[in-house]
């Protein structure tokens, strides 16, 4: 609760509320996929983008003027999935997609699970 008794808002929900409806639906899809793949991950805003964190940052996602982006968060994992991500690449670490051409759910799930394993391995060292 906030000081005046009003319920606190979720910053990720606030971010998504400001996104145009078509892009919002695409980002909500990504959010749902990541939540399913990493049910213990914490949702945060980092670098002004929605993100998930568990033993370190996992992935980020966001909406921009003419596309949405999914950020893998790891050069090693990005390289591991390079062939599958190639149709979505647009820069170092950025995978661009649109609501009409989304990143496959199974690919997002595998990336998140790889990031979870990478973070867990790093933490155990």
N, C-alpha and C. Protein backbone atom coordinates (compact mmCIF):
# COMPACT_ATOMS: atom_id res chain seq x y z
N UNK A 1 0.84 -1.19 0.00
CA UNK A 1 0.00 0.00 0.00
C UNK A 1 0.88 1.25 0.00
N UNK A 2 0.40 2.24 -0.70
CA UNK A 2 1.12 3.52 -0.72
C UNK A 2 0.79 4.28 0.55
N UNK A 3 1.49 5.39 0.82
CA UNK A 3 1.25 6.15 2.04
C UNK A 3 -0.20 6.59 2.23
N UNK A 4 -0.93 6.82 1.20
CA UNK A 4 -2.32 7.29 1.30
C UNK A 4 -3.31 6.12 1.31
N UNK A 5 -2.83 4.90 1.33
CA UNK A 5 -3.72 3.76 1.41
C UNK A 5 -4.15 3.19 0.06
N UNK A 6 -3.76 3.82 -1.03
CA UNK A 6 -4.11 3.30 -2.36
C UNK A 6 -3.19 2.13 -2.69
N UNK A 7 -3.70 1.13 -3.38
CA UNK A 7 -2.83 0.00 -3.73
C UNK A 7 -1.70 0.44 -4.65
N UNK A 8 -0.53 -0.17 -4.45
CA UNK A 8 0.60 0.13 -5.32
C UNK A 8 0.33 -0.47 -6.70
N UNK A 9 0.83 0.20 -7.72
CA UNK A 9 0.67 -0.33 -9.06
C UNK A 9 1.94 -1.08 -9.44
N UNK A 10 1.79 -2.00 -10.35
CA UNK A 10 2.92 -2.75 -10.87
C UNK A 10 3.54 -1.93 -11.99
N UNK A 11 4.83 -1.63 -11.92
CA UNK A 11 5.45 -0.80 -12.96
C UNK A 11 5.39 -1.43 -14.36
N UNK A 12 5.41 -2.76 -14.43
CA UNK A 12 5.30 -3.42 -15.74
C UNK A 12 3.90 -3.21 -16.30
N UNK A 13 2.88 -3.34 -15.45
CA UNK A 13 1.51 -3.06 -15.90
C UNK A 13 1.38 -1.61 -16.36
N UNK A 14 2.01 -0.70 -15.63
CA UNK A 14 1.99 0.72 -16.02
C UNK A 14 2.64 0.91 -17.39
N UNK A 15 3.78 0.26 -17.62
CA UNK A 15 4.45 0.34 -18.91
C UNK A 15 3.53 -0.16 -20.01
N UNK A 16 2.97 -1.35 -19.82
CA UNK A 16 2.12 -1.94 -20.85
C UNK A 16 0.87 -1.11 -21.12
N UNK A 17 0.36 -0.44 -20.12
CA UNK A 17 -0.84 0.39 -20.30
C UNK A 17 -0.57 1.56 -21.25
N UNK A 18 0.69 1.97 -21.35
CA UNK A 18 1.05 3.10 -22.22
C UNK A 18 1.38 2.66 -23.66
N UNK A 19 1.40 1.37 -23.90
CA UNK A 19 1.75 0.83 -25.23
C UNK A 19 0.49 0.73 -26.08
N UNK A 20 0.56 1.05 -27.38
CA UNK A 20 -0.61 0.89 -28.25
C UNK A 20 -1.16 -0.55 -28.19
N UNK A 21 -2.48 -0.71 -28.31
CA UNK A 21 -3.12 -2.02 -28.10
C UNK A 21 -2.51 -3.19 -28.88
N UNK A 22 -2.18 -3.01 -30.14
CA UNK A 22 -1.64 -4.11 -30.94
C UNK A 22 -0.28 -4.56 -30.39
N UNK A 23 0.58 -3.61 -30.09
CA UNK A 23 1.88 -3.94 -29.52
C UNK A 23 1.73 -4.47 -28.09
N UNK A 24 0.79 -3.93 -27.35
CA UNK A 24 0.54 -4.40 -25.98
C UNK A 24 0.21 -5.88 -25.99
N UNK A 25 -0.63 -6.32 -26.90
CA UNK A 25 -1.00 -7.73 -26.98
C UNK A 25 0.24 -8.59 -27.28
N UNK A 26 1.10 -8.11 -28.15
CA UNK A 26 2.33 -8.85 -28.47
C UNK A 26 3.25 -8.95 -27.26
N UNK A 27 3.36 -7.86 -26.51
CA UNK A 27 4.21 -7.87 -25.32
C UNK A 27 3.60 -8.71 -24.21
N UNK A 28 2.29 -8.68 -24.07
CA UNK A 28 1.64 -9.51 -23.06
C UNK A 28 1.85 -10.99 -23.38
N UNK A 29 1.91 -11.33 -24.66
CA UNK A 29 2.19 -12.70 -25.07
C UNK A 29 3.60 -13.09 -24.61
N UNK A 30 4.58 -12.22 -24.86
CA UNK A 30 5.96 -12.49 -24.42
C UNK A 30 6.00 -12.63 -22.90
N UNK A 31 5.33 -11.74 -22.20
CA UNK A 31 5.29 -11.78 -20.74
C UNK A 31 4.74 -13.11 -20.24
N UNK A 32 3.67 -13.57 -20.83
CA UNK A 32 3.04 -14.83 -20.44
C UNK A 32 3.99 -16.01 -20.69
N UNK A 33 4.65 -16.01 -21.82
CA UNK A 33 5.59 -17.09 -22.17
C UNK A 33 6.75 -17.12 -21.17
N UNK A 34 7.30 -15.95 -20.87
CA UNK A 34 8.44 -15.89 -19.94
C UNK A 34 7.99 -16.31 -18.54
N UNK A 35 6.84 -15.84 -18.10
CA UNK A 35 6.33 -16.24 -16.78
C UNK A 35 6.19 -17.75 -16.68
N UNK A 36 5.69 -18.38 -17.74
CA UNK A 36 5.52 -19.84 -17.74
C UNK A 36 6.87 -20.56 -17.70
N UNK A 37 7.86 -20.02 -18.42
CA UNK A 37 9.18 -20.65 -18.47
C UNK A 37 10.00 -20.40 -17.21
N UNK A 38 9.74 -19.27 -16.55
CA UNK A 38 10.50 -18.89 -15.35
C UNK A 38 9.53 -18.41 -14.27
N UNK A 39 8.74 -19.33 -13.71
CA UNK A 39 7.68 -18.93 -12.77
C UNK A 39 8.19 -18.25 -11.49
N UNK A 40 9.46 -18.44 -11.15
CA UNK A 40 10.01 -17.81 -9.95
C UNK A 40 10.74 -16.51 -10.23
N UNK A 41 10.78 -16.11 -11.48
CA UNK A 41 11.47 -14.87 -11.84
C UNK A 41 10.66 -13.66 -11.39
N UNK A 42 11.36 -12.62 -11.06
CA UNK A 42 10.75 -11.36 -10.63
C UNK A 42 10.63 -10.43 -11.83
N UNK A 43 9.47 -9.81 -11.97
CA UNK A 43 9.28 -8.81 -13.02
C UNK A 43 9.78 -7.47 -12.51
N UNK A 44 10.55 -6.80 -13.35
CA UNK A 44 11.10 -5.50 -12.98
C UNK A 44 11.11 -4.59 -14.20
N UNK A 45 11.37 -3.33 -13.94
CA UNK A 45 11.69 -2.39 -15.01
C UNK A 45 13.18 -2.12 -14.89
N UNK A 46 13.89 -2.30 -15.99
CA UNK A 46 15.33 -2.07 -16.03
C UNK A 46 15.66 -1.41 -17.37
N UNK A 47 16.45 -0.39 -17.34
CA UNK A 47 16.74 0.39 -18.55
C UNK A 47 15.44 0.88 -19.19
N UNK A 48 14.45 1.19 -18.36
CA UNK A 48 13.14 1.70 -18.77
C UNK A 48 12.32 0.68 -19.57
N UNK A 49 12.67 -0.60 -19.45
CA UNK A 49 11.97 -1.67 -20.16
C UNK A 49 11.51 -2.74 -19.18
N UNK A 50 10.42 -3.43 -19.48
CA UNK A 50 10.03 -4.58 -18.67
C UNK A 50 11.10 -5.67 -18.81
N UNK A 51 11.37 -6.34 -17.72
CA UNK A 51 12.39 -7.38 -17.72
C UNK A 51 12.04 -8.43 -16.67
N UNK A 52 12.74 -9.54 -16.74
CA UNK A 52 12.61 -10.59 -15.75
C UNK A 52 13.99 -10.85 -15.17
N UNK A 53 14.01 -11.12 -13.85
CA UNK A 53 15.27 -11.31 -13.14
C UNK A 53 15.15 -12.55 -12.25
N UNK A 54 16.16 -13.41 -12.32
CA UNK A 54 16.29 -14.54 -11.40
C UNK A 54 17.76 -14.90 -11.36
N UNK A 55 18.38 -14.70 -10.22
CA UNK A 55 19.84 -14.88 -10.10
C UNK A 55 20.57 -13.99 -11.09
N UNK A 56 20.02 -12.85 -11.38
CA UNK A 56 20.55 -11.93 -12.39
C UNK A 56 19.48 -11.68 -13.44
N UNK A 57 19.74 -10.77 -14.32
CA UNK A 57 18.76 -10.45 -15.37
C UNK A 57 18.63 -11.61 -16.33
N UNK A 58 17.40 -11.87 -16.78
CA UNK A 58 17.14 -12.93 -17.75
C UNK A 58 16.94 -12.35 -19.14
N UNK A 59 15.82 -11.68 -19.35
CA UNK A 59 15.46 -11.11 -20.65
C UNK A 59 14.72 -9.80 -20.43
N UNK A 60 14.72 -8.99 -21.47
CA UNK A 60 14.00 -7.72 -21.51
C UNK A 60 13.08 -7.73 -22.73
N UNK A 61 12.07 -6.88 -22.71
CA UNK A 61 11.22 -6.72 -23.89
C UNK A 61 10.62 -5.32 -23.86
N UNK A 62 10.19 -4.85 -25.02
CA UNK A 62 9.63 -3.51 -25.05
C UNK A 62 9.02 -3.17 -26.40
N UNK A 63 8.29 -2.06 -26.40
CA UNK A 63 7.63 -1.57 -27.61
C UNK A 63 8.30 -0.28 -28.06
N UNK A 64 8.40 -0.15 -29.37
CA UNK A 64 8.97 1.05 -29.97
C UNK A 64 8.03 1.52 -31.06
N UNK A 65 8.35 2.57 -31.74
CA UNK A 65 7.42 3.20 -32.69
C UNK A 65 6.88 2.24 -33.74
N UNK A 66 7.76 1.43 -34.33
CA UNK A 66 7.31 0.58 -35.44
C UNK A 66 7.59 -0.91 -35.23
N UNK A 67 7.96 -1.29 -34.02
CA UNK A 67 8.25 -2.69 -33.75
C UNK A 67 8.27 -2.94 -32.24
N UNK A 68 8.38 -4.20 -31.88
CA UNK A 68 8.63 -4.61 -30.51
C UNK A 68 10.01 -5.26 -30.50
N UNK A 69 10.61 -5.32 -29.32
CA UNK A 69 11.93 -5.94 -29.21
C UNK A 69 11.97 -6.92 -28.06
N UNK A 70 12.78 -7.94 -28.24
CA UNK A 70 13.05 -8.94 -27.21
C UNK A 70 14.57 -8.97 -27.09
N UNK A 71 15.07 -8.79 -25.88
CA UNK A 71 16.50 -8.72 -25.64
C UNK A 71 16.91 -9.96 -24.86
N UNK A 72 17.77 -10.77 -25.45
CA UNK A 72 18.17 -12.06 -24.86
C UNK A 72 18.97 -11.87 -23.58
N UNK A 73 19.78 -10.85 -23.49
CA UNK A 73 20.50 -10.56 -22.26
C UNK A 73 21.81 -11.31 -22.09
N UNK A 74 22.23 -12.07 -23.09
CA UNK A 74 23.46 -12.83 -22.98
C UNK A 74 24.01 -13.10 -24.38
N UNK A 75 25.26 -12.72 -24.60
CA UNK A 75 25.89 -12.98 -25.89
C UNK A 75 26.02 -14.48 -26.14
N UNK A 76 26.34 -15.23 -25.08
CA UNK A 76 26.49 -16.68 -25.22
C UNK A 76 25.19 -17.35 -25.64
N UNK A 77 24.10 -16.99 -25.00
CA UNK A 77 22.80 -17.58 -25.34
C UNK A 77 22.34 -17.09 -26.71
N UNK A 78 22.57 -15.83 -26.99
CA UNK A 78 22.20 -15.29 -28.31
C UNK A 78 22.94 -16.05 -29.41
N UNK A 79 24.21 -16.33 -29.19
CA UNK A 79 25.00 -17.09 -30.17
C UNK A 79 24.46 -18.51 -30.31
N UNK A 80 24.08 -19.12 -29.21
CA UNK A 80 23.55 -20.49 -29.21
C UNK A 80 22.29 -20.61 -30.08
N UNK A 81 21.47 -19.56 -30.08
CA UNK A 81 20.21 -19.57 -30.83
C UNK A 81 20.28 -18.69 -32.09
N UNK A 82 21.49 -18.38 -32.53
CA UNK A 82 21.68 -17.43 -33.64
C UNK A 82 20.91 -17.80 -34.90
N UNK A 83 20.92 -19.05 -35.27
CA UNK A 83 20.24 -19.45 -36.51
C UNK A 83 18.73 -19.20 -36.42
N UNK A 84 18.15 -19.50 -35.28
CA UNK A 84 16.70 -19.30 -35.11
C UNK A 84 16.34 -17.83 -34.94
N UNK A 85 17.26 -17.05 -34.40
CA UNK A 85 17.01 -15.63 -34.18
C UNK A 85 17.32 -14.77 -35.40
N UNK A 86 18.01 -15.34 -36.37
CA UNK A 86 18.44 -14.56 -37.54
C UNK A 86 17.31 -13.76 -38.20
N UNK A 87 16.11 -14.31 -38.39
CA UNK A 87 15.05 -13.51 -39.02
C UNK A 87 14.61 -12.30 -38.18
N UNK A 88 15.01 -12.27 -36.90
CA UNK A 88 14.57 -11.20 -36.01
C UNK A 88 15.70 -10.26 -35.60
N UNK A 89 16.92 -10.54 -36.02
CA UNK A 89 18.06 -9.73 -35.61
C UNK A 89 18.02 -8.33 -36.20
N UNK A 90 18.46 -7.40 -35.38
CA UNK A 90 18.55 -6.03 -35.89
C UNK A 90 19.62 -5.25 -35.17
N UNK A 91 20.47 -5.92 -34.48
CA UNK A 91 21.53 -5.25 -33.76
C UNK A 91 22.04 -6.15 -32.66
N UNK A 92 23.06 -5.68 -32.00
CA UNK A 92 23.67 -6.47 -30.94
C UNK A 92 22.69 -6.67 -29.78
N UNK A 93 22.20 -7.87 -29.64
CA UNK A 93 21.33 -8.19 -28.53
C UNK A 93 19.86 -7.92 -28.74
N UNK A 94 19.49 -7.33 -29.84
CA UNK A 94 18.10 -6.96 -30.08
C UNK A 94 17.45 -7.87 -31.10
N UNK A 95 16.28 -8.37 -30.77
CA UNK A 95 15.48 -9.16 -31.71
C UNK A 95 14.19 -8.38 -31.92
N UNK A 96 14.01 -7.87 -33.12
CA UNK A 96 12.82 -7.09 -33.44
C UNK A 96 11.73 -8.01 -33.98
N UNK A 97 10.51 -7.71 -33.57
CA UNK A 97 9.36 -8.45 -34.09
C UNK A 97 8.16 -7.53 -34.12
N UNK A 98 7.13 -7.96 -34.80
CA UNK A 98 5.88 -7.20 -34.85
C UNK A 98 4.76 -8.12 -34.40
N UNK A 99 3.61 -7.56 -34.06
CA UNK A 99 2.47 -8.41 -33.69
C UNK A 99 2.10 -9.39 -34.80
N UNK A 100 2.34 -8.98 -36.06
CA UNK A 100 2.03 -9.84 -37.19
C UNK A 100 3.10 -10.89 -37.46
N UNK A 101 4.28 -10.69 -36.91
CA UNK A 101 5.41 -11.60 -37.12
C UNK A 101 6.14 -11.81 -35.79
N UNK A 102 5.49 -12.52 -34.85
CA UNK A 102 6.06 -12.69 -33.50
C UNK A 102 7.20 -13.71 -33.47
N UNK A 103 8.00 -13.62 -32.45
CA UNK A 103 9.02 -14.63 -32.19
C UNK A 103 8.28 -15.88 -31.70
N UNK A 104 8.61 -17.05 -32.23
CA UNK A 104 7.90 -18.27 -31.81
C UNK A 104 7.98 -18.51 -30.29
N UNK A 105 6.87 -18.90 -29.72
CA UNK A 105 6.79 -19.14 -28.28
C UNK A 105 7.81 -20.17 -27.81
N UNK A 106 7.96 -21.24 -28.58
CA UNK A 106 8.91 -22.28 -28.18
C UNK A 106 10.34 -21.75 -28.14
N UNK A 107 10.68 -20.85 -29.04
CA UNK A 107 12.02 -20.25 -29.05
C UNK A 107 12.21 -19.37 -27.82
N UNK A 108 11.23 -18.55 -27.50
CA UNK A 108 11.31 -17.70 -26.31
C UNK A 108 11.49 -18.58 -25.07
N UNK A 109 10.72 -19.65 -24.98
CA UNK A 109 10.81 -20.55 -23.83
C UNK A 109 12.22 -21.15 -23.71
N UNK A 110 12.77 -21.61 -24.81
CA UNK A 110 14.10 -22.22 -24.78
C UNK A 110 15.17 -21.18 -24.40
N UNK A 111 15.02 -19.96 -24.88
CA UNK A 111 15.96 -18.90 -24.54
C UNK A 111 15.89 -18.61 -23.04
N UNK A 112 14.69 -18.48 -22.52
CA UNK A 112 14.53 -18.18 -21.08
C UNK A 112 15.13 -19.31 -20.24
N UNK A 113 14.87 -20.54 -20.61
CA UNK A 113 15.41 -21.68 -19.85
C UNK A 113 16.94 -21.70 -19.94
N UNK A 114 17.49 -21.35 -21.09
CA UNK A 114 18.95 -21.27 -21.23
C UNK A 114 19.51 -20.16 -20.36
N UNK A 115 18.81 -19.03 -20.30
CA UNK A 115 19.26 -17.92 -19.44
C UNK A 115 19.18 -18.30 -17.97
N UNK A 116 18.12 -19.02 -17.58
CA UNK A 116 18.01 -19.49 -16.19
C UNK A 116 19.20 -20.37 -15.84
N UNK A 117 19.51 -21.31 -16.72
CA UNK A 117 20.64 -22.21 -16.48
C UNK A 117 21.95 -21.45 -16.42
N UNK A 118 22.12 -20.49 -17.32
CA UNK A 118 23.35 -19.69 -17.34
C UNK A 118 23.50 -18.91 -16.03
N UNK A 119 22.42 -18.27 -15.60
CA UNK A 119 22.49 -17.50 -14.35
C UNK A 119 22.73 -18.40 -13.14
N UNK A 120 22.09 -19.56 -13.10
CA UNK A 120 22.28 -20.50 -11.99
C UNK A 120 23.72 -20.99 -11.96
N UNK A 121 24.28 -21.28 -13.12
CA UNK A 121 25.66 -21.76 -13.20
C UNK A 121 26.63 -20.68 -12.71
N UNK A 122 26.39 -19.46 -13.14
CA UNK A 122 27.25 -18.34 -12.73
C UNK A 122 27.17 -18.13 -11.22
N UNK A 123 25.99 -18.29 -10.69
CA UNK A 123 25.80 -18.06 -9.25
C UNK A 123 26.48 -19.15 -8.42
N UNK A 124 26.47 -20.38 -8.93
CA UNK A 124 27.06 -21.49 -8.16
C UNK A 124 28.57 -21.47 -8.15
N UNK A 125 29.19 -20.68 -9.03
CA UNK A 125 30.66 -20.64 -9.08
C UNK A 125 31.26 -19.79 -8.01
